[in-house]
Amino acid sequence: VEIIDLTAPLSDRTPILQLPEPFGNASPFRLEEISRYDDRGP
């Protein structure tokens, strides 16, 4: 049995739907760092 990934990688470059004004739009994907082996979390 083969497992096939049907998922597109998720990043800030992932395309999102663009609706015209006055409609609201989805936010692009974004990571906000909390800590990375530093004084915020060693």
PDB file of all heavy atoms in Angstrom:
ATOM      1  N   VAL A   1       0.860  -1.181   0.000  1.00  0.00           N
ATOM      2  CA  VAL A   1       0.000   0.000   0.000  1.00  0.00           C
ATOM      3  C   VAL A   1       0.898   1.233   0.000  1.00  0.00           C
ATOM      4  O   VAL A   1       1.746   1.389   0.878  1.00  0.00           O
ATOM      5  CB  VAL A   1      -0.938   0.030   1.219  1.00  0.00           C
ATOM      6  CG1 VAL A   1      -1.674   1.363   1.298  1.00  0.00           C
ATOM      7  CG2 VAL A   1      -1.945  -1.113   1.150  1.00  0.00           C
ATOM      8  N   GLU A   2       0.737   2.068  -1.003  1.00  0.00           N
ATOM      9  CA  GLU A   2       1.525   3.299  -1.116  1.00  0.00           C
ATOM     10  C   GLU A   2       0.742   4.470  -0.523  1.00  0.00           C
ATOM     11  O   GLU A   2      -0.474   4.569  -0.701  1.00  0.00           O
ATOM     12  CB  GLU A   2       1.842   3.589  -2.575  1.00  0.00           C
ATOM     13  CG  GLU A   2       2.716   4.814  -2.787  1.00  0.00           C
ATOM     14  CD  GLU A   2       3.024   5.085  -4.247  1.00  0.00           C
ATOM     15  OE1 GLU A   2       2.519   4.345  -5.114  1.00  0.00           O
ATOM     16  OE2 GLU A   2       3.763   6.048  -4.516  1.00  0.00           O
ATOM     17  N   ILE A   3       1.435   5.328   0.200  1.00  0.00           N
ATOM     18  CA  ILE A   3       0.827   6.552   0.731  1.00  0.00           C
ATOM     19  C   ILE A   3       1.282   7.722  -0.130  1.00  0.00           C
ATOM     20  O   ILE A   3       2.488   7.975  -0.269  1.00  0.00           O
ATOM     21  CB  ILE A   3       1.224   6.790   2.200  1.00  0.00           C
ATOM     22  CG1 ILE A   3       0.828   5.596   3.065  1.00  0.00           C
ATOM     23  CG2 ILE A   3       0.583   8.070   2.719  1.00  0.00           C
ATOM     24  CD1 ILE A   3       1.291   5.702   4.500  1.00  0.00           C
ATOM     25  N   ILE A   4       0.324   8.427  -0.711  1.00  0.00           N
ATOM     26  CA  ILE A   4       0.622   9.555  -1.597  1.00  0.00           C
ATOM     27  C   ILE A   4       0.111  10.833  -0.944  1.00  0.00           C
ATOM     28  O   ILE A   4      -1.060  10.931  -0.552  1.00  0.00           O
ATOM     29  CB  ILE A   4      -0.029   9.355  -2.977  1.00  0.00           C
ATOM     30  CG1 ILE A   4       0.529   8.091  -3.632  1.00  0.00           C
ATOM     31  CG2 ILE A   4       0.211  10.576  -3.871  1.00  0.00           C
ATOM     32  CD1 ILE A   4      -0.177   7.698  -4.898  1.00  0.00           C
ATOM     33  N   ASP A   5       0.996  11.798  -0.817  1.00  0.00           N
ATOM     34  CA  ASP A   5       0.642  13.085  -0.208  1.00  0.00           C
ATOM     35  C   ASP A   5      -0.010  13.969  -1.270  1.00  0.00           C
ATOM     36  O   ASP A   5       0.607  14.275  -2.306  1.00  0.00           O
ATOM     37  CB  ASP A   5       1.899  13.748   0.350  1.00  0.00           C
ATOM     38  CG  ASP A   5       1.590  14.896   1.297  1.00  0.00           C
ATOM     39  OD1 ASP A   5       0.424  15.336   1.346  1.00  0.00           O
ATOM     40  OD2 ASP A   5       2.516  15.354   1.995  1.00  0.00           O
ATOM     41  N   LEU A   6      -1.240  14.374  -1.032  1.00  0.00           N
ATOM     42  CA  LEU A   6      -1.974  15.228  -1.967  1.00  0.00           C
ATOM     43  C   LEU A   6      -1.977  16.688  -1.541  1.00  0.00           C
ATOM     44  O   LEU A   6      -2.736  17.495  -2.079  1.00  0.00           O
ATOM     45  CB  LEU A   6      -3.424  14.734  -2.090  1.00  0.00           C
ATOM     46  CG  LEU A   6      -3.626  13.263  -2.459  1.00  0.00           C
ATOM     47  CD1 LEU A   6      -5.119  12.962  -2.636  1.00  0.00           C
ATOM     48  CD2 LEU A   6      -2.852  12.882  -3.712  1.00  0.00           C
ATOM     49  N   THR A   7      -1.093  17.036  -0.596  1.00  0.00           N
ATOM     50  CA  THR A   7      -1.115  18.349   0.043  1.00  0.00           C
ATOM     51  C   THR A   7      -0.028  19.267  -0.501  1.00  0.00           C
ATOM     52  O   THR A   7       1.129  18.854  -0.645  1.00  0.00           O
ATOM     53  CB  THR A   7      -0.893  18.192   1.557  1.00  0.00           C
ATOM     54  OG1 THR A   7      -1.687  17.115   2.041  1.00  0.00           O
ATOM     55  CG2 THR A   7      -1.240  19.463   2.293  1.00  0.00           C
ATOM     56  N   ALA A   8      -0.384  20.515  -0.774  1.00  0.00           N
ATOM     57  CA  ALA A   8       0.604  21.523  -1.150  1.00  0.00           C
ATOM     58  C   ALA A   8       1.297  22.046   0.109  1.00  0.00           C
ATOM     59  O   ALA A   8       0.634  22.294   1.120  1.00  0.00           O
ATOM     60  CB  ALA A   8      -0.067  22.676  -1.888  1.00  0.00           C
ATOM     61  N   PRO A   9       2.631  22.221   0.090  1.00  0.00           N
ATOM     62  CA  PRO A   9       3.314  22.808   1.251  1.00  0.00           C
ATOM     63  C   PRO A   9       2.724  24.173   1.587  1.00  0.00           C
ATOM     64  O   PRO A   9       2.328  24.931   0.694  1.00  0.00           O
ATOM     65  CB  PRO A   9       4.767  22.924   0.786  1.00  0.00           C
ATOM     66  CG  PRO A   9       4.906  21.899  -0.298  1.00  0.00           C
ATOM     67  CD  PRO A   9       3.575  21.856  -0.984  1.00  0.00           C
ATOM     68  N   LEU A  10       2.671  24.477   2.870  1.00  0.00           N
ATOM     69  CA  LEU A  10       2.030  25.710   3.345  1.00  0.00           C
ATOM     70  C   LEU A  10       3.107  26.700   3.789  1.00  0.00           C
ATOM     71  O   LEU A  10       3.908  26.408   4.684  1.00  0.00           O
ATOM     72  CB  LEU A  10       1.100  25.377   4.506  1.00  0.00           C
ATOM     73  CG  LEU A  10       0.194  26.472   5.060  1.00  0.00           C
ATOM     74  CD1 LEU A  10      -0.684  27.066   3.968  1.00  0.00           C
ATOM     75  CD2 LEU A  10      -0.670  25.911   6.185  1.00  0.00           C
ATOM     76  N   SER A  11       3.142  27.865   3.145  1.00  0.00           N
ATOM     77  CA  SER A  11       4.145  28.877   3.468  1.00  0.00           C
ATOM     78  C   SER A  11       3.596  30.253   3.114  1.00  0.00           C
ATOM     79  O   SER A  11       2.462  30.386   2.643  1.00  0.00           O
ATOM     80  CB  SER A  11       5.437  28.621   2.665  1.00  0.00           C
ATOM     81  OG  SER A  11       5.258  28.992   1.308  1.00  0.00           O
ATOM     82  N   ASP A  12       4.411  31.275   3.322  1.00  0.00           N
ATOM     83  CA  ASP A  12       3.970  32.628   2.979  1.00  0.00           C
ATOM     84  C   ASP A  12       3.878  32.839   1.471  1.00  0.00           C
ATOM     85  O   ASP A  12       3.396  33.877   1.020  1.00  0.00           O
ATOM     86  CB  ASP A  12       4.876  33.679   3.623  1.00  0.00           C
ATOM     87  CG  ASP A  12       6.342  33.538   3.222  1.00  0.00           C
ATOM     88  OD1 ASP A  12       6.682  32.651   2.398  1.00  0.00           O
ATOM     89  OD2 ASP A  12       7.166  34.303   3.750  1.00  0.00           O
ATOM     90  N   ARG A  13       4.313  31.842   0.679  1.00  0.00           N
ATOM     91  CA  ARG A  13       4.198  31.923  -0.781  1.00  0.00           C
ATOM     92  C   ARG A  13       2.970  31.186  -1.308  1.00  0.00           C
ATOM     93  O   ARG A  13       2.710  31.196  -2.508  1.00  0.00           O
ATOM     94  CB  ARG A  13       5.457  31.329  -1.425  1.00  0.00           C
ATOM     95  CG  ARG A  13       6.742  32.083  -1.079  1.00  0.00           C
ATOM     96  CD  ARG A  13       7.931  31.433  -1.762  1.00  0.00           C
ATOM     97  NE  ARG A  13       7.766  31.383  -3.201  1.00  0.00           N
ATOM     98  CZ  ARG A  13       8.498  30.613  -4.011  1.00  0.00           C
ATOM     99  NH1 ARG A  13       9.414  29.810  -3.504  1.00  0.00           N
ATOM    100  NH2 ARG A  13       8.286  30.634  -5.315  1.00  0.00           N
ATOM    101  N   THR A  14       2.218  30.542  -0.426  1.00  0.00           N
ATOM    102  CA  THR A  14       1.036  29.801  -0.853  1.00  0.00           C
ATOM    103  C   THR A  14       0.012  30.744  -1.480  1.00  0.00           C
ATOM    104  O   THR A  14      -0.359  31.752  -0.868  1.00  0.00           O
ATOM    105  CB  THR A  14       0.404  29.077   0.354  1.00  0.00           C
ATOM    106  OG1 THR A  14       1.323  28.103   0.836  1.00  0.00           O
ATOM    107  CG2 THR A  14      -0.894  28.400  -0.036  1.00  0.00           C
ATOM    108  N   PRO A  15      -0.458  30.468  -2.706  1.00  0.00           N
ATOM    109  CA  PRO A  15      -1.457  31.340  -3.340  1.00  0.00           C
ATOM    110  C   PRO A  15      -2.763  31.362  -2.546  1.00  0.00           C
ATOM    111  O   PRO A  15      -3.183  30.352  -1.981  1.00  0.00           O
ATOM    112  CB  PRO A  15      -1.680  30.683  -4.713  1.00  0.00           C
ATOM    113  CG  PRO A  15      -0.476  29.830  -4.943  1.00  0.00           C
ATOM    114  CD  PRO A  15      -0.055  29.357  -3.592  1.00  0.00           C
ATOM    115  N   ILE A  16      -3.397  32.514  -2.485  1.00  0.00           N
ATOM    116  CA  ILE A  16      -4.696  32.644  -1.824  1.00  0.00           C
ATOM    117  C   ILE A  16      -5.678  33.330  -2.770  1.00  0.00           C
ATOM    118  O   ILE A  16      -5.289  34.089  -3.661  1.00  0.00           O
ATOM    119  CB  ILE A  16      -4.607  33.432  -0.500  1.00  0.00           C
ATOM    120  CG1 ILE A  16      -4.020  34.832  -0.730  1.00  0.00           C
ATOM    121  CG2 ILE A  16      -3.781  32.672   0.521  1.00  0.00           C
ATOM    122  CD1 ILE A  16      -4.051  35.716   0.502  1.00  0.00           C
ATOM    123  N   LEU A  17      -6.938  33.037  -2.563  1.00  0.00           N
ATOM    124  CA  LEU A  17      -7.998  33.651  -3.360  1.00  0.00           C
ATOM    125  C   LEU A  17      -7.999  35.155  -3.182  1.00  0.00           C
ATOM    126  O   LEU A  17      -7.846  35.657  -2.065  1.00  0.00           O
ATOM    127  CB  LEU A  17      -9.347  33.064  -2.922  1.00  0.00           C
ATOM    128  CG  LEU A  17     -10.574  33.512  -3.714  1.00  0.00           C
ATOM    129  CD1 LEU A  17     -10.505  32.989  -5.140  1.00  0.00           C
ATOM    130  CD2 LEU A  17     -11.838  33.003  -3.027  1.00  0.00           C
ATOM    131  N   GLN A  18      -8.184  35.874  -4.289  1.00  0.00           N
ATOM    132  CA  GLN A  18      -8.223  37.328  -4.250  1.00  0.00           C
ATOM    133  C   GLN A  18      -9.614  37.803  -4.668  1.00  0.00           C
ATOM    134  O   GLN A  18      -9.997  37.684  -5.827  1.00  0.00           O
ATOM    135  CB  GLN A  18      -7.165  37.914  -5.186  1.00  0.00           C
ATOM    136  CG  GLN A  18      -5.734  37.572  -4.799  1.00  0.00           C
ATOM    137  CD  GLN A  18      -5.324  38.233  -3.504  1.00  0.00           C
ATOM    138  OE1 GLN A  18      -5.650  39.386  -3.233  1.00  0.00           O
ATOM    139  NE2 GLN A  18      -4.604  37.491  -2.673  1.00  0.00           N
ATOM    140  N   LEU A  19     -10.378  38.330  -3.723  1.00  0.00           N
ATOM    141  CA  LEU A  19     -11.697  38.863  -4.022  1.00  0.00           C
ATOM    142  C   LEU A  19     -11.614  40.378  -4.190  1.00  0.00           C
ATOM    143  O   LEU A  19     -10.831  41.044  -3.517  1.00  0.00           O
ATOM    144  CB  LEU A  19     -12.667  38.537  -2.884  1.00  0.00           C
ATOM    145  CG  LEU A  19     -12.921  37.045  -2.615  1.00  0.00           C
ATOM    146  CD1 LEU A  19     -13.827  36.886  -1.397  1.00  0.00           C
ATOM    147  CD2 LEU A  19     -13.538  36.374  -3.824  1.00  0.00           C
ATOM    148  N   PRO A  20     -12.435  40.942  -5.074  1.00  0.00           N
ATOM    149  CA  PRO A  20     -12.392  42.397  -5.278  1.00  0.00           C
ATOM    150  C   PRO A  20     -13.056  43.133  -4.129  1.00  0.00           C
ATOM    151  O   PRO A  20     -13.845  42.571  -3.363  1.00  0.00           O
ATOM    152  CB  PRO A  20     -13.196  42.567  -6.575  1.00  0.00           C
ATOM    153  CG  PRO A  20     -14.166  41.420  -6.566  1.00  0.00           C
ATOM    154  CD  PRO A  20     -13.427  40.271  -5.948  1.00  0.00           C
ATOM    155  N   GLU A  21     -12.721  44.399  -3.989  1.00  0.00           N
ATOM    156  CA  GLU A  21     -13.397  45.241  -3.004  1.00  0.00           C
ATOM    157  C   GLU A  21     -14.888  45.292  -3.320  1.00  0.00           C
ATOM    158  O   GLU A  21     -15.281  45.227  -4.492  1.00  0.00           O
ATOM    159  CB  GLU A  21     -12.800  46.652  -3.015  1.00  0.00           C
ATOM    160  CG  GLU A  21     -11.358  46.705  -2.547  1.00  0.00           C
ATOM    161  CD  GLU A  21     -10.814  48.129  -2.503  1.00  0.00           C
ATOM    162  OE1 GLU A  21     -11.547  49.052  -2.946  1.00  0.00           O
ATOM    163  OE2 GLU A  21      -9.690  48.314  -2.039  1.00  0.00           O
ATOM    164  N   PRO A  22     -15.750  45.358  -2.327  1.00  0.00           N
ATOM    165  CA  PRO A  22     -15.470  45.609  -0.906  1.00  0.00           C
ATOM    166  C   PRO A  22     -15.339  44.325  -0.076  1.00  0.00           C
ATOM    167  O   PRO A  22     -15.374  44.387   1.145  1.00  0.00           O
ATOM    168  CB  PRO A  22     -16.720  46.382  -0.471  1.00  0.00           C
ATOM    169  CG  PRO A  22     -17.816  45.734  -1.263  1.00  0.00           C
ATOM    170  CD  PRO A  22     -17.204  45.408  -2.611  1.00  0.00           C
ATOM    171  N   PHE A  23     -15.186  43.172  -0.720  1.00  0.00           N
ATOM    172  CA  PHE A  23     -15.172  41.903  -0.001  1.00  0.00           C
ATOM    173  C   PHE A  23     -13.873  41.715   0.764  1.00  0.00           C
ATOM    174  O   PHE A  23     -12.808  42.147   0.331  1.00  0.00           O
ATOM    175  CB  PHE A  23     -15.379  40.741  -0.964  1.00  0.00           C
ATOM    176  CG  PHE A  23     -16.656  40.834  -1.756  1.00  0.00           C
ATOM    177  CD1 PHE A  23     -16.623  40.964  -3.129  1.00  0.00           C
ATOM    178  CD2 PHE A  23     -17.884  40.805  -1.114  1.00  0.00           C
ATOM    179  CE1 PHE A  23     -17.795  41.062  -3.864  1.00  0.00           C
ATOM    180  CE2 PHE A  23     -19.065  40.900  -1.839  1.00  0.00           C
ATOM    181  CZ  PHE A  23     -19.026  41.034  -3.216  1.00  0.00           C
ATOM    182  N   GLY A  24     -13.987  41.059   1.929  1.00  0.00           N
ATOM    183  CA  GLY A  24     -12.800  40.734   2.706  1.00  0.00           C
ATOM    184  C   GLY A  24     -12.035  39.573   2.085  1.00  0.00           C
ATOM    185  O   GLY A  24     -12.608  38.761   1.345  1.00  0.00           O
ATOM    186  N   ASN A  25     -10.749  39.500   2.379  1.00  0.00           N
ATOM    187  CA  ASN A  25      -9.901  38.455   1.828  1.00  0.00           C
ATOM    188  C   ASN A  25      -9.210  37.658   2.929  1.00  0.00           C
ATOM    189  O   ASN A  25      -8.983  38.156   4.038  1.00  0.00           O
ATOM    190  CB  ASN A  25      -8.847  39.047   0.897  1.00  0.00           C
ATOM    191  CG  ASN A  25      -9.365  39.255  -0.499  1.00  0.00           C
ATOM    192  OD1 ASN A  25      -9.677  38.298  -1.200  1.00  0.00           O
ATOM    193  ND2 ASN A  25      -9.480  40.507  -0.930  1.00  0.00           N
ATOM    194  N   ALA A  26      -8.872  36.431   2.595  1.00  0.00           N
ATOM    195  CA  ALA A  26      -8.128  35.563   3.508  1.00  0.00           C
ATOM    196  C   ALA A  26      -6.726  36.119   3.716  1.00  0.00           C
ATOM    197  O   ALA A  26      -6.155  36.789   2.843  1.00  0.00           O
ATOM    198  CB  ALA A  26      -8.057  34.151   2.941  1.00  0.00           C
ATOM    199  N   SER A  27      -6.157  35.796   4.861  1.00  0.00           N
ATOM    200  CA  SER A  27      -4.792  36.219   5.169  1.00  0.00           C
ATOM    201  C   SER A  27      -3.793  35.216   4.596  1.00  0.00           C
ATOM    202  O   SER A  27      -4.036  34.005   4.641  1.00  0.00           O
ATOM    203  CB  SER A  27      -4.587  36.290   6.683  1.00  0.00           C
ATOM    204  OG  SER A  27      -5.475  37.193   7.281  1.00  0.00           O
ATOM    205  N   PRO A  28      -2.665  35.685   4.094  1.00  0.00           N
ATOM    206  CA  PRO A  28      -1.595  34.762   3.713  1.00  0.00           C
ATOM    207  C   PRO A  28      -1.089  34.021   4.945  1.00  0.00           C
ATOM    208  O   PRO A  28      -1.191  34.513   6.078  1.00  0.00           O
ATOM    209  CB  PRO A  28      -0.511  35.683   3.145  1.00  0.00           C
ATOM    210  CG  PRO A  28      -1.189  36.972   2.868  1.00  0.00           C
ATOM    211  CD  PRO A  28      -2.315  37.087   3.840  1.00  0.00           C
ATOM    212  N   PHE A  29      -0.531  32.862   4.727  1.00  0.00           N
ATOM    213  CA  PHE A  29       0.057  32.112   5.834  1.00  0.00           C
ATOM    214  C   PHE A  29       1.298  32.834   6.337  1.00  0.00           C
ATOM    215  O   PHE A  29       2.099  33.354   5.559  1.00  0.00           O
ATOM    216  CB  PHE A  29       0.440  30.712   5.367  1.00  0.00           C
ATOM    217  CG  PHE A  29       1.059  29.868   6.444  1.00  0.00           C
ATOM    218  CD1 PHE A  29       0.268  29.181   7.347  1.00  0.00           C
ATOM    219  CD2 PHE A  29       2.437  29.777   6.563  1.00  0.00           C
ATOM    220  CE1 PHE A  29       0.835  28.417   8.346  1.00  0.00           C
ATOM    221  CE2 PHE A  29       3.013  29.005   7.559  1.00  0.00           C
ATOM    222  CZ  PHE A  29       2.211  28.333   8.457  1.00  0.00           C
ATOM    223  N   ARG A  30       1.457  32.853   7.673  1.00  0.00           N
ATOM    224  CA  ARG A  30       2.639  33.501   8.253  1.00  0.00           C
ATOM    225  C   ARG A  30       2.983  32.842   9.583  1.00  0.00           C
ATOM    226  O   ARG A  30       2.105  32.499  10.361  1.00  0.00           O
ATOM    227  CB  ARG A  30       2.366  34.997   8.472  1.00  0.00           C
ATOM    228  CG  ARG A  30       3.501  35.765   9.125  1.00  0.00           C
ATOM    229  CD  ARG A  30       3.237  37.261   9.100  1.00  0.00           C
ATOM    230  NE  ARG A  30       2.042  37.630   9.841  1.00  0.00           N
ATOM    231  CZ  ARG A  30       2.023  37.913  11.152  1.00  0.00           C
ATOM    232  NH1 ARG A  30       3.153  37.835  11.871  1.00  0.00           N
ATOM    233  NH2 ARG A  30       0.903  38.264  11.745  1.00  0.00           N
ATOM    234  N   LEU A  31       4.278  32.616   9.807  1.00  0.00           N
ATOM    235  CA  LEU A  31       4.776  32.159  11.096  1.00  0.00           C
ATOM    236  C   LEU A  31       5.326  33.344  11.882  1.00  0.00           C
ATOM    237  O   LEU A  31       6.022  34.190  11.317  1.00  0.00           O
ATOM    238  CB  LEU A  31       5.897  31.135  10.916  1.00  0.00           C
ATOM    239  CG  LEU A  31       5.531  29.765  10.350  1.00  0.00           C
ATOM    240  CD1 LEU A  31       6.782  28.909  10.223  1.00  0.00           C
ATOM    241  CD2 LEU A  31       4.497  29.069  11.207  1.00  0.00           C
ATOM    242  N   GLU A  32       4.998  33.392  13.169  1.00  0.00           N
ATOM    243  CA  GLU A  32       5.556  34.415  14.057  1.00  0.00           C
ATOM    244  C   GLU A  32       6.324  33.697  15.159  1.00  0.00           C
ATOM    245  O   GLU A  32       5.739  32.971  15.967  1.00  0.00           O
ATOM    246  CB  GLU A  32       4.453  35.282  14.653  1.00  0.00           C
ATOM    247  CG  GLU A  32       4.984  36.387  15.551  1.00  0.00           C
ATOM    248  CD  GLU A  32       3.878  37.250  16.114  1.00  0.00           C
ATOM    249  OE1 GLU A  32       2.701  37.047  15.752  1.00  0.00           O
ATOM    250  OE2 GLU A  32       4.191  38.139  16.942  1.00  0.00           O
ATOM    251  N   GLU A  33       7.622  33.900  15.168  1.00  0.00           N
ATOM    252  CA  GLU A  33       8.472  33.148  16.088  1.00  0.00           C
ATOM    253  C   GLU A  33       8.202  33.528  17.546  1.00  0.00           C
ATOM    254  O   GLU A  33       8.130  34.708  17.897  1.00  0.00           O
ATOM    255  CB  GLU A  33       9.932  33.409  15.735  1.00  0.00           C
ATOM    256  CG  GLU A  33      10.917  32.531  16.478  1.00  0.00           C
ATOM    257  CD  GLU A  33      12.327  32.754  15.979  1.00  0.00           C
ATOM    258  OE1 GLU A  33      12.671  32.212  14.907  1.00  0.00           O
ATOM    259  OE2 GLU A  33      13.086  33.495  16.655  1.00  0.00           O
ATOM    260  N   ILE A  34       8.056  32.509  18.394  1.00  0.00           N
ATOM    261  CA  ILE A  34       7.918  32.706  19.834  1.00  0.00           C
ATOM    262  C   ILE A  34       9.289  32.615  20.504  1.00  0.00           C
ATOM    263  O   ILE A  34       9.662  33.477  21.292  1.00  0.00           O
ATOM    264  CB  ILE A  34       6.959  31.670  20.441  1.00  0.00           C
ATOM    265  CG1 ILE A  34       5.581  31.760  19.783  1.00  0.00           C
ATOM    266  CG2 ILE A  34       6.855  31.859  21.958  1.00  0.00           C
ATOM    267  CD1 ILE A  34       4.629  30.642  20.179  1.00  0.00           C
ATOM    268  N   SER A  35      10.032  31.569  20.185  1.00  0.00           N
ATOM    269  CA  SER A  35      11.415  31.450  20.651  1.00  0.00           C
ATOM    270  C   SER A  35      12.136  30.458  19.760  1.00  0.00           C
ATOM    271  O   SER A  35      11.516  29.620  19.105  1.00  0.00           O
ATOM    272  CB  SER A  35      11.478  30.975  22.114  1.00  0.00           C
ATOM    273  OG  SER A  35      11.034  29.636  22.234  1.00  0.00           O
ATOM    274  N   ARG A  36      13.468  30.563  19.744  1.00  0.00           N
ATOM    275  CA  ARG A  36      14.274  29.638  18.939  1.00  0.00           C
ATOM    276  C   ARG A  36      15.632  29.445  19.625  1.00  0.00           C
ATOM    277  O   ARG A  36      16.621  30.048  19.260  1.00  0.00           O
ATOM    278  CB  ARG A  36      14.439  30.148  17.515  1.00  0.00           C
ATOM    279  CG  ARG A  36      15.032  29.104  16.565  1.00  0.00           C
ATOM    280  CD  ARG A  36      15.056  29.599  15.127  1.00  0.00           C
ATOM    281  NE  ARG A  36      15.554  28.583  14.226  1.00  0.00           N
ATOM    282  CZ  ARG A  36      14.904  28.132  13.157  1.00  0.00           C
ATOM    283  NH1 ARG A  36      13.711  28.616  12.858  1.00  0.00           N
ATOM    284  NH2 ARG A  36      15.445  27.217  12.383  1.00  0.00           N
ATOM    285  N   TYR A  37      15.629  28.597  20.648  1.00  0.00           N
ATOM    286  CA  TYR A  37      16.849  28.254  21.375  1.00  0.00           C
ATOM    287  C   TYR A  37      17.585  29.512  21.868  1.00  0.00           C
ATOM    288  O   TYR A  37      18.804  29.634  21.739  1.00  0.00           O
ATOM    289  CB  TYR A  37      17.790  27.404  20.511  1.00  0.00           C
ATOM    290  CG  TYR A  37      17.089  26.456  19.571  1.00  0.00           C
ATOM    291  CD1 TYR A  37      17.308  26.533  18.198  1.00  0.00           C
ATOM    292  CD2 TYR A  37      16.213  25.492  20.052  1.00  0.00           C
ATOM    293  CE1 TYR A  37      16.667  25.672  17.329  1.00  0.00           C
ATOM    294  CE2 TYR A  37      15.564  24.624  19.184  1.00  0.00           C
ATOM    295  CZ  TYR A  37      15.790  24.716  17.823  1.00  0.00           C
ATOM    296  OH  TYR A  37      15.148  23.862  16.965  1.00  0.00           O
ATOM    297  N   ASP A  38      16.821  30.452  22.417  1.00  0.00           N
ATOM    298  CA  ASP A  38      17.408  31.720  22.834  1.00  0.00           C
ATOM    299  C   ASP A  38      16.858  32.097  24.216  1.00  0.00           C
ATOM    300  O   ASP A  38      16.264  31.255  24.902  1.00  0.00           O
ATOM    301  CB  ASP A  38      17.133  32.805  21.790  1.00  0.00           C
ATOM    302  CG  ASP A  38      15.656  32.922  21.430  1.00  0.00           C
ATOM    303  OD1 ASP A  38      14.789  32.594  22.286  1.00  0.00           O
ATOM    304  OD2 ASP A  38      15.346  33.345  20.304  1.00  0.00           O
ATOM    305  N   ASP A  39      17.032  33.354  24.615  1.00  0.00           N
ATOM    306  CA  ASP A  39      16.609  33.739  25.953  1.00  0.00           C
ATOM    307  C   ASP A  39      15.092  33.712  26.124  1.00  0.00           C
ATOM    308  O   ASP A  39      14.583  33.743  27.244  1.00  0.00           O
ATOM    309  CB  ASP A  39      17.162  35.119  26.321  1.00  0.00           C
ATOM    310  CG  ASP A  39      16.789  36.201  25.329  1.00  0.00           C
ATOM    311  OD1 ASP A  39      16.078  35.899  24.346  1.00  0.00           O
ATOM    312  OD2 ASP A  39      17.212  37.356  25.532  1.00  0.00           O
ATOM    313  N   ARG A  40      14.349  33.647  25.032  1.00  0.00           N
ATOM    314  CA  ARG A  40      12.893  33.510  25.120  1.00  0.00           C
ATOM    315  C   ARG A  40      12.479  32.054  25.380  1.00  0.00           C
ATOM    316  O   ARG A  40      11.323  31.779  25.707  1.00  0.00           O
ATOM    317  CB  ARG A  40      12.239  34.001  23.827  1.00  0.00           C
ATOM    318  CG  ARG A  40      12.496  35.467  23.508  1.00  0.00           C
ATOM    319  CD  ARG A  40      12.045  35.794  22.097  1.00  0.00           C
ATOM    320  NE  ARG A  40      12.802  35.016  21.108  1.00  0.00           N
ATOM    321  CZ  ARG A  40      12.490  34.949  19.817  1.00  0.00           C
ATOM    322  NH1 ARG A  40      11.436  35.612  19.354  1.00  0.00           N
ATOM    323  NH2 ARG A  40      13.225  34.233  18.984  1.00  0.00           N
ATOM    324  N   GLY A  41      13.407  31.148  25.194  1.00  0.00           N
ATOM    325  CA  GLY A  41      13.174  29.717  25.372  1.00  0.00           C
ATOM    326  C   GLY A  41      14.417  28.976  24.947  1.00  0.00           C
ATOM    327  O   GLY A  41      14.581  28.672  23.763  1.00  0.00           O
ATOM    328  N   PRO A  42      15.357  28.723  25.869  1.00  0.00           N
ATOM    329  CA  PRO A  42      16.693  28.253  25.491  1.00  0.00           C
ATOM    330  C   PRO A  42      16.743  26.862  24.876  1.00  0.00           C
ATOM    331  O   PRO A  42      17.691  26.555  24.151  1.00  0.00           O
ATOM    332  CB  PRO A  42      17.467  28.284  26.815  1.00  0.00           C
ATOM    333  CG  PRO A  42      16.409  28.214  27.876  1.00  0.00           C
ATOM    334  CD  PRO A  42      15.227  28.933  27.320  1.00  0.00           C
TER     335      PRO A  42
END
